[in-house]
Amino acid sequence: MNSAPVSPGASRSHVALHAALINAALIVFLSAYPFTGWRDTGLPLFDFLFYPLPYYTRFSTMPSTC
């Protein structure tokens, strides 16, 4: 009447695994959603890296730092 011992992980439900997979799929789908509707402006892709830095005065930075 004694049966072989069952490992604790063998009788668990796969609900947690399915929930994690659905969650990962939603994250991938929703993170790609903001890119819909974008269009090419015709400018070089990495041209913004060579723009000059903006000029900040003490007057403009004071409210941000206080």
N, C-alpha and C. Protein backbone atom coordinates (compact mmCIF):
# COMPACT_ATOMS: atom_id res chain seq x y z
N MET A 1 0.80 -1.18 0.00
CA MET A 1 0.00 0.00 0.00
C MET A 1 0.85 1.26 0.00
N ASN A 2 2.10 1.13 0.33
CA ASN A 2 2.97 2.31 0.29
C ASN A 2 3.35 2.59 -1.15
N SER A 3 3.16 3.84 -1.52
CA SER A 3 3.55 4.24 -2.87
C SER A 3 4.88 4.95 -2.81
N ALA A 4 5.49 5.11 -3.96
CA ALA A 4 6.79 5.77 -4.02
C ALA A 4 6.63 7.23 -3.62
N PRO A 5 7.63 7.81 -2.98
CA PRO A 5 7.53 9.22 -2.58
C PRO A 5 7.47 10.13 -3.80
N VAL A 6 6.64 11.14 -3.70
CA VAL A 6 6.46 12.10 -4.78
C VAL A 6 7.22 13.37 -4.41
N SER A 7 7.98 13.86 -5.36
CA SER A 7 8.72 15.09 -5.09
C SER A 7 7.74 16.26 -4.94
N PRO A 8 8.06 17.24 -4.10
CA PRO A 8 7.12 18.34 -3.86
C PRO A 8 6.81 19.16 -5.11
N GLY A 9 7.73 19.25 -6.05
CA GLY A 9 7.51 20.04 -7.25
C GLY A 9 6.65 19.35 -8.28
N ALA A 10 6.50 18.05 -8.18
CA ALA A 10 5.77 17.31 -9.21
C ALA A 10 4.27 17.54 -9.15
N SER A 11 3.74 17.83 -8.00
CA SER A 11 2.29 17.98 -7.88
C SER A 11 1.85 19.44 -7.97
N ARG A 12 2.78 20.35 -8.18
CA ARG A 12 2.41 21.77 -8.25
C ARG A 12 1.70 22.08 -9.56
N SER A 13 0.88 23.11 -9.50
CA SER A 13 0.17 23.57 -10.68
C SER A 13 1.11 24.44 -11.52
N HIS A 14 0.80 24.57 -12.78
CA HIS A 14 1.61 25.39 -13.68
C HIS A 14 1.03 26.79 -13.84
N VAL A 15 0.19 27.19 -12.90
CA VAL A 15 -0.45 28.50 -12.98
C VAL A 15 0.60 29.61 -12.92
N ALA A 16 1.57 29.49 -12.03
CA ALA A 16 2.59 30.53 -11.90
C ALA A 16 3.42 30.65 -13.18
N LEU A 17 3.75 29.54 -13.79
CA LEU A 17 4.51 29.57 -15.04
C LEU A 17 3.70 30.24 -16.15
N HIS A 18 2.44 29.88 -16.28
CA HIS A 18 1.60 30.48 -17.31
C HIS A 18 1.40 31.97 -17.05
N ALA A 19 1.23 32.35 -15.80
CA ALA A 19 1.06 33.77 -15.48
C ALA A 19 2.33 34.55 -15.82
N ALA A 20 3.50 33.98 -15.55
CA ALA A 20 4.76 34.65 -15.87
C ALA A 20 4.93 34.79 -17.38
N LEU A 21 4.58 33.77 -18.15
CA LEU A 21 4.69 33.85 -19.60
C LEU A 21 3.73 34.89 -20.19
N ILE A 22 2.51 34.94 -19.67
CA ILE A 22 1.55 35.94 -20.14
C ILE A 22 2.03 37.34 -19.79
N ASN A 23 2.57 37.50 -18.58
CA ASN A 23 3.09 38.79 -18.15
C ASN A 23 4.26 39.22 -19.04
N ALA A 24 5.16 38.32 -19.36
CA ALA A 24 6.30 38.65 -20.22
C ALA A 24 5.82 39.03 -21.62
N ALA A 25 4.84 38.31 -22.14
CA ALA A 25 4.30 38.63 -23.47
C ALA A 25 3.63 40.00 -23.47
N LEU A 26 2.91 40.33 -22.42
CA LEU A 26 2.28 41.65 -22.33
C LEU A 26 3.32 42.76 -22.25
N ILE A 27 4.39 42.54 -21.51
CA ILE A 27 5.44 43.56 -21.39
C ILE A 27 6.09 43.80 -22.75
N VAL A 28 6.37 42.74 -23.48
CA VAL A 28 6.98 42.90 -24.81
C VAL A 28 6.03 43.61 -25.76
N PHE A 29 4.77 43.23 -25.75
CA PHE A 29 3.79 43.86 -26.64
C PHE A 29 3.57 45.33 -26.30
N LEU A 30 3.40 45.64 -25.03
CA LEU A 30 3.10 47.01 -24.63
C LEU A 30 4.32 47.93 -24.72
N SER A 31 5.51 47.38 -24.63
CA SER A 31 6.69 48.23 -24.77
C SER A 31 6.94 48.58 -26.24
N ALA A 32 6.43 47.79 -27.17
CA ALA A 32 6.56 48.10 -28.59
C ALA A 32 5.43 48.99 -29.08
N TYR A 33 4.36 49.12 -28.32
CA TYR A 33 3.19 49.90 -28.74
C TYR A 33 3.49 51.38 -28.98
N PRO A 34 4.31 52.06 -28.16
CA PRO A 34 4.55 53.49 -28.40
C PRO A 34 5.24 53.78 -29.74
N PHE A 35 5.83 52.81 -30.37
CA PHE A 35 6.52 53.05 -31.64
C PHE A 35 5.58 53.05 -32.83
N THR A 36 4.30 52.76 -32.63
CA THR A 36 3.37 52.81 -33.74
C THR A 36 3.09 54.26 -34.10
N GLY A 37 3.00 54.55 -35.35
CA GLY A 37 2.71 55.89 -35.80
C GLY A 37 3.94 56.75 -36.02
N TRP A 38 5.12 56.25 -35.71
CA TRP A 38 6.33 57.02 -35.94
C TRP A 38 6.63 57.03 -37.42
N ARG A 39 7.26 58.10 -37.89
CA ARG A 39 7.62 58.18 -39.29
C ARG A 39 9.02 58.74 -39.43
N ASP A 40 9.62 58.48 -40.54
CA ASP A 40 10.98 58.92 -40.81
C ASP A 40 10.98 60.41 -41.14
N THR A 41 11.86 61.17 -40.49
CA THR A 41 11.94 62.60 -40.74
C THR A 41 12.93 62.94 -41.84
N GLY A 42 13.73 61.98 -42.24
CA GLY A 42 14.71 62.22 -43.28
C GLY A 42 16.06 62.67 -42.73
N LEU A 43 16.15 62.92 -41.43
CA LEU A 43 17.41 63.32 -40.82
C LEU A 43 18.25 62.09 -40.52
N PRO A 44 19.56 62.25 -40.49
CA PRO A 44 20.41 61.11 -40.11
C PRO A 44 20.06 60.63 -38.70
N LEU A 45 20.17 59.33 -38.48
CA LEU A 45 19.70 58.73 -37.25
C LEU A 45 20.42 59.24 -36.01
N PHE A 46 21.73 59.34 -36.03
CA PHE A 46 22.49 59.72 -34.84
C PHE A 46 23.03 61.15 -34.94
N ASP A 47 22.41 61.97 -35.76
CA ASP A 47 22.86 63.35 -35.92
C ASP A 47 22.69 64.16 -34.64
N PHE A 48 21.72 63.81 -33.81
CA PHE A 48 21.48 64.56 -32.57
C PHE A 48 22.65 64.48 -31.61
N LEU A 49 23.51 63.49 -31.75
CA LEU A 49 24.66 63.36 -30.84
C LEU A 49 25.67 64.49 -31.02
N PHE A 50 25.64 65.15 -32.17
CA PHE A 50 26.63 66.18 -32.46
C PHE A 50 26.04 67.59 -32.37
N TYR A 51 24.83 67.73 -31.85
CA TYR A 51 24.25 69.06 -31.65
C TYR A 51 25.02 69.77 -30.56
N PRO A 52 25.10 71.09 -30.61
CA PRO A 52 25.78 71.82 -29.54
C PRO A 52 24.98 71.72 -28.23
N LEU A 53 25.68 71.77 -27.13
CA LEU A 53 25.02 71.72 -25.84
C LEU A 53 24.24 73.01 -25.61
N PRO A 54 23.10 72.92 -24.92
CA PRO A 54 22.33 74.13 -24.66
C PRO A 54 23.05 75.04 -23.66
N TYR A 55 22.76 76.30 -23.75
CA TYR A 55 23.38 77.28 -22.86
C TYR A 55 22.42 77.56 -21.72
N TYR A 56 22.84 77.24 -20.50
CA TYR A 56 22.02 77.49 -19.33
C TYR A 56 22.62 78.63 -18.53
N THR A 57 21.77 79.53 -18.11
CA THR A 57 22.22 80.63 -17.26
C THR A 57 21.95 80.27 -15.80
N ARG A 58 22.52 81.04 -14.92
CA ARG A 58 22.27 80.82 -13.49
C ARG A 58 20.78 81.03 -13.18
N PHE A 59 20.17 81.98 -13.88
CA PHE A 59 18.74 82.26 -13.67
C PHE A 59 17.88 81.05 -14.03
N SER A 60 18.23 80.33 -15.07
CA SER A 60 17.41 79.20 -15.49
C SER A 60 17.65 77.95 -14.66
N THR A 61 18.83 77.81 -14.05
CA THR A 61 19.10 76.62 -13.25
C THR A 61 18.74 76.79 -11.78
N MET A 62 18.58 78.01 -11.31
CA MET A 62 18.29 78.24 -9.91
C MET A 62 16.98 77.57 -9.45
N PRO A 63 15.86 77.70 -10.15
CA PRO A 63 14.63 77.03 -9.68
C PRO A 63 14.75 75.52 -9.67
N SER A 64 15.56 74.95 -10.51
CA SER A 64 15.70 73.50 -10.57
C SER A 64 16.52 72.94 -9.43
N THR A 65 17.47 73.72 -8.93
CA THR A 65 18.36 73.20 -7.92
C THR A 65 17.96 73.58 -6.49
N CYS A 66 17.08 74.53 -6.36
CA CYS A 66 16.66 74.97 -5.00
C CYS A 66 15.42 74.27 -4.53
